Protein backbone atom coordinates (compact mmCIF):
# COMPACT_ATOMS: atom_id res chain seq x y z
CA MET A 1 -15.44 -1.49 19.42
CA ALA A 2 -11.84 -0.24 17.61
CA TRP A 3 -11.83 3.07 16.29
CA THR A 4 -12.11 3.27 12.43
CA ARG A 5 -9.26 4.98 10.55
CA ASP A 6 -11.17 8.21 10.36
CA GLN A 7 -11.74 7.86 13.97
CA MET A 8 -8.26 7.28 14.95
CA ALA A 9 -7.37 10.35 12.66
CA ALA A 10 -10.07 12.38 14.61
CA ARG A 11 -8.39 11.54 17.95
CA ALA A 12 -4.84 12.21 16.85
CA ALA A 13 -6.29 15.85 15.57
CA ARG A 14 -7.01 16.60 19.29
CA GLU A 15 -3.47 16.55 19.85
CA LEU A 16 -3.06 19.75 17.88
CA GLU A 17 -2.97 23.18 19.36
CA ASP A 18 -3.51 26.57 18.02
CA GLY A 19 -0.46 28.16 16.35
CA PHE A 20 1.19 24.50 15.98
CA TYR A 21 3.29 23.67 13.12
CA VAL A 22 2.62 20.35 12.26
CA ASN A 23 4.13 17.51 10.10
CA LEU A 24 1.98 14.60 9.21
CA GLY A 25 3.79 11.56 8.04
CA ILE A 26 2.73 9.24 5.10
CA GLY A 27 -0.32 6.96 4.82
CA LEU A 28 -2.93 7.08 8.08
CA PRO A 29 -1.32 10.40 9.50
CA THR A 30 -2.38 12.21 6.43
CA LEU A 31 -6.09 11.96 7.41
CA VAL A 32 -5.67 14.04 10.26
CA ALA A 33 -5.78 17.22 7.78
CA ASN A 34 -9.64 16.51 7.52
CA TYR A 35 -10.00 16.89 11.17
CA VAL A 36 -8.19 20.23 12.11
CA PRO A 37 -10.64 21.75 14.76
CA ASN A 38 -12.55 24.87 13.37
CA ASP A 39 -11.33 26.90 16.15
CA ILE A 40 -7.80 26.77 16.03
CA GLU A 41 -5.25 27.82 13.46
CA VAL A 42 -2.45 25.00 12.50
CA PHE A 43 -0.07 25.32 9.89
CA LEU A 44 0.51 21.79 8.29
CA GLN A 45 4.07 21.68 6.57
CA SER A 46 5.31 18.98 4.17
CA GLU A 47 9.12 17.86 3.60
CA ASN A 48 8.52 18.78 -0.13
CA GLY A 49 8.11 22.26 0.36
CA LEU A 50 4.64 23.38 1.54
CA LEU A 51 3.42 25.00 4.54
CA GLY A 52 -0.27 25.24 4.66
CA ILE A 53 -1.91 21.73 3.63
CA GLY A 54 -5.48 22.05 3.70
CA PRO A 55 -8.10 18.96 3.85
CA PHE A 56 -7.91 16.53 0.68
CA PRO A 57 -9.48 17.79 -2.23
CA THR A 58 -13.14 16.95 -3.91
CA ASP A 59 -12.77 15.65 -7.38
CA ASP A 60 -13.37 19.09 -8.67
CA GLU A 61 -10.48 20.61 -6.69
CA VAL A 62 -7.74 18.24 -7.78
CA ASP A 63 -4.38 19.88 -9.12
CA ALA A 64 -1.84 17.38 -9.99
CA ASP A 65 1.08 19.80 -9.34
CA LEU A 66 -0.36 20.09 -5.53
CA ILE A 67 0.90 17.21 -3.83
CA ASN A 68 2.53 16.43 -0.10
CA ALA A 69 5.38 14.02 0.49
CA GLY A 70 3.49 10.91 -0.07
CA LYS A 71 2.41 11.91 -3.52
CA GLN A 72 -1.09 12.68 -2.73
CA THR A 73 -2.85 15.50 -4.23
CA VAL A 74 -3.64 18.12 -1.37
CA THR A 75 -5.09 21.38 -1.19
CA ALA A 76 -3.51 24.67 -0.06
CA LEU A 77 -5.10 27.01 2.61
CA PRO A 78 -4.87 30.78 1.67
CA GLY A 79 -1.50 32.08 2.77
CA SER A 80 0.25 29.01 2.17
CA ALA A 81 4.12 29.02 1.40
CA TYR A 82 6.02 27.05 -0.86
CA PHE A 83 9.72 26.51 -0.69
CA SER A 84 12.48 24.20 -1.46
CA SER A 85 12.96 20.72 0.33
CA ALA A 86 16.14 22.06 1.76
CA ASP A 87 14.36 25.00 3.36
CA SER A 88 11.75 22.32 4.75
CA PHE A 89 14.43 20.45 6.30
CA GLY A 90 16.12 23.53 7.50
CA MET A 91 12.51 24.00 9.46
CA ILE A 92 12.86 20.48 10.66
CA ARG A 93 16.27 20.46 12.12
CA GLY A 94 16.02 23.69 13.49
CA GLY A 95 13.44 22.58 15.77
CA LYS A 96 10.62 24.96 14.23
CA ILE A 97 8.08 22.01 14.01
CA ASN A 98 5.83 21.51 17.07
CA LEU A 99 4.25 18.30 16.38
CA ALA A 100 5.03 15.16 14.06
CA ILE A 101 2.34 12.51 13.70
CA LEU A 102 3.79 9.51 12.05
CA GLY A 103 2.88 5.92 11.10
CA ALA A 104 5.23 3.06 12.59
CA MET A 105 5.99 -0.55 12.33
CA GLN A 106 7.19 -1.17 15.68
CA VAL A 107 7.35 0.86 18.97
CA SER A 108 9.19 -0.23 22.02
CA ALA A 109 8.39 0.31 25.47
CA LYS A 110 11.28 3.00 25.62
CA GLY A 111 9.75 5.15 22.91
CA ASP A 112 12.10 3.62 20.13
CA LEU A 113 10.54 4.07 16.75
CA ALA A 114 10.93 1.74 13.61
CA ASN A 115 9.23 2.85 10.51
CA TRP A 116 11.07 3.17 7.56
CA MET A 117 11.99 -0.38 6.20
CA ILE A 118 11.89 -4.32 6.74
CA PRO A 119 15.03 -6.03 5.80
CA GLY A 120 15.00 -7.69 2.57
CA LYS A 121 12.16 -5.74 1.24
CA MET A 122 12.99 -2.89 -1.33
CA VAL A 123 12.56 0.43 -0.06
CA LYS A 124 12.96 3.71 -2.23
CA GLY A 125 14.72 5.35 0.54
CA MET A 126 14.30 6.44 4.18
CA GLY A 127 12.63 9.58 3.84
CA GLY A 128 12.47 12.37 6.13
CA ALA A 129 11.35 10.38 9.43
CA MET A 130 14.68 10.41 10.87
CA ASP A 131 15.13 14.22 10.57
CA LEU A 132 11.61 14.64 11.86
CA VAL A 133 11.98 12.41 15.25
CA ALA A 134 15.36 14.24 15.80
CA GLY A 135 14.14 17.79 15.31
CA VAL A 136 10.43 18.36 16.29
CA LYS A 137 9.46 19.05 19.77
CA LYS A 138 6.85 16.02 20.10
CA VAL A 139 6.31 13.01 18.38
CA VAL A 140 3.11 11.26 18.17
CA VAL A 141 2.50 7.98 16.43
CA LEU A 142 -0.49 6.96 14.89
CA MET A 143 -0.73 2.96 13.71
CA GLU A 144 -2.89 0.18 13.80
CA HIS A 145 -2.17 -1.67 17.32
CA VAL A 146 -1.24 -4.93 15.68
CA ALA A 147 0.36 -5.97 12.34
CA THR A 148 -1.66 -8.10 10.06
CA ALA A 149 -0.35 -10.66 7.81
CA LYS A 150 -1.81 -11.87 4.29
CA ASP A 151 -2.93 -14.94 6.08
CA GLY A 152 -4.78 -13.09 8.73
CA SER A 153 -2.50 -13.57 11.41
CA THR A 154 -1.03 -11.02 13.88
CA SER A 155 1.90 -9.64 15.49
CA HIS A 156 2.73 -7.09 18.17
CA LYS A 157 4.04 -3.75 16.97
CA ILE A 158 4.29 -2.32 20.57
CA LEU A 159 7.31 -4.36 21.54
CA PRO A 160 10.02 -4.61 24.63
CA GLN A 161 12.42 -3.87 21.91
CA CYS A 162 12.37 -2.86 18.39
CA ASP A 163 13.90 -5.71 16.01
CA LEU A 164 13.31 -3.92 12.74
CA PRO A 165 16.06 -1.05 11.85
CA LEU A 166 15.43 2.16 14.21
CA THR A 167 14.26 5.27 13.18
CA GLY A 168 15.07 6.90 16.25
CA VAL A 169 15.69 5.94 19.90
CA GLY A 170 13.56 7.12 22.92
CA VAL A 171 11.62 9.58 20.66
CA VAL A 172 8.05 8.73 20.65
CA ASP A 173 5.69 10.70 23.43
CA LEU A 174 2.45 9.21 22.52
CA ILE A 175 0.86 6.22 20.44
CA ILE A 176 -2.61 6.31 19.16
CA THR A 177 -4.16 3.00 17.86
CA ASP A 178 -7.43 1.65 17.01
CA LEU A 179 -7.60 0.25 20.25
CA GLY A 180 -6.69 3.52 22.41
CA VAL A 181 -4.13 6.06 23.45
CA ILE A 182 -0.84 5.19 25.17
CA GLU A 183 1.54 7.86 26.77
CA VAL A 184 5.15 6.95 27.05
CA THR A 185 6.50 7.59 30.28
CA GLU A 186 9.80 7.06 31.95
CA THR A 187 8.24 4.24 33.87
CA GLY A 188 6.68 2.60 30.91
CA LEU A 189 3.62 2.42 28.80
CA LYS A 190 0.43 4.26 30.41
CA VAL A 191 -2.95 3.95 28.77
CA VAL A 192 -4.45 7.22 28.94
CA GLU A 193 -7.64 6.44 26.92
CA LEU A 194 -9.60 3.29 25.53
CA ALA A 195 -11.54 3.13 22.44
CA PRO A 196 -15.26 2.66 23.01
CA GLU A 197 -15.87 -0.88 24.55
CA VAL A 198 -12.19 -1.90 24.31
CA THR A 199 -11.44 -3.67 27.35
CA ARG A 200 -7.98 -3.49 29.43
CA GLU A 201 -7.67 -7.15 28.59
CA GLN A 202 -8.12 -6.62 24.88
CA ILE A 203 -5.49 -3.82 24.87
CA ALA A 204 -3.29 -5.97 26.75
CA ALA A 205 -3.69 -9.02 24.74
CA ALA A 206 -2.52 -7.13 21.62
CA THR A 207 0.36 -5.63 23.01
CA GLY A 208 3.68 -7.12 23.63
CA VAL A 209 4.59 -5.20 26.78
CA GLU A 210 3.32 -4.75 30.25
CA LEU A 211 0.79 -1.55 30.33
CA ASP A 212 -0.02 0.72 33.20
CA PHE A 213 -3.83 1.25 33.40
CA SER A 214 -3.63 3.40 36.21
CA ALA A 215 -5.05 6.39 34.13
CA VAL A 216 -8.25 4.68 33.08
């Protein structure tokens, strides 16, 4: 059975380590803030100038002035810091962020990432993803395994090569989807974990490249 979005976020939270500075991308990755293990201290950073993001607020905690880069209201943990976006990107470009967990439209067999636009569709801008994948120490992609169109048809998001504009070349280290966890290695994509009851055949059929199953 495929993982739910919350189960995917909880699995991604297992990649966090004590003392890490972490940037969470817009969309599904923001759910990871709700699943930070209690026995570690992690500092969540947002491009718009906040270090120390906590879980999403309850209705009585909402502060409309306290938002993340995706314009979602968030909470701030004790000791949080606020700063300009210039300082924020100084942290990112300076290699101060240990881990980025980002969404993706496509990932290639070599770890290329496409996650910022679809040609012909209106976009507000590329955001901070290009800086993040170039500046952070580790990049984890958190996404649905396949793309589902309005008519219900599906298409591969893990491909031999991305056909959407690239965010970064060879930047992805780990892919976490609703079907499992895939490590990007020098020799290809290695499945290191399968979601409960998901078979090798199922994840292979949903993937556009050959997978290495030697670890599962």
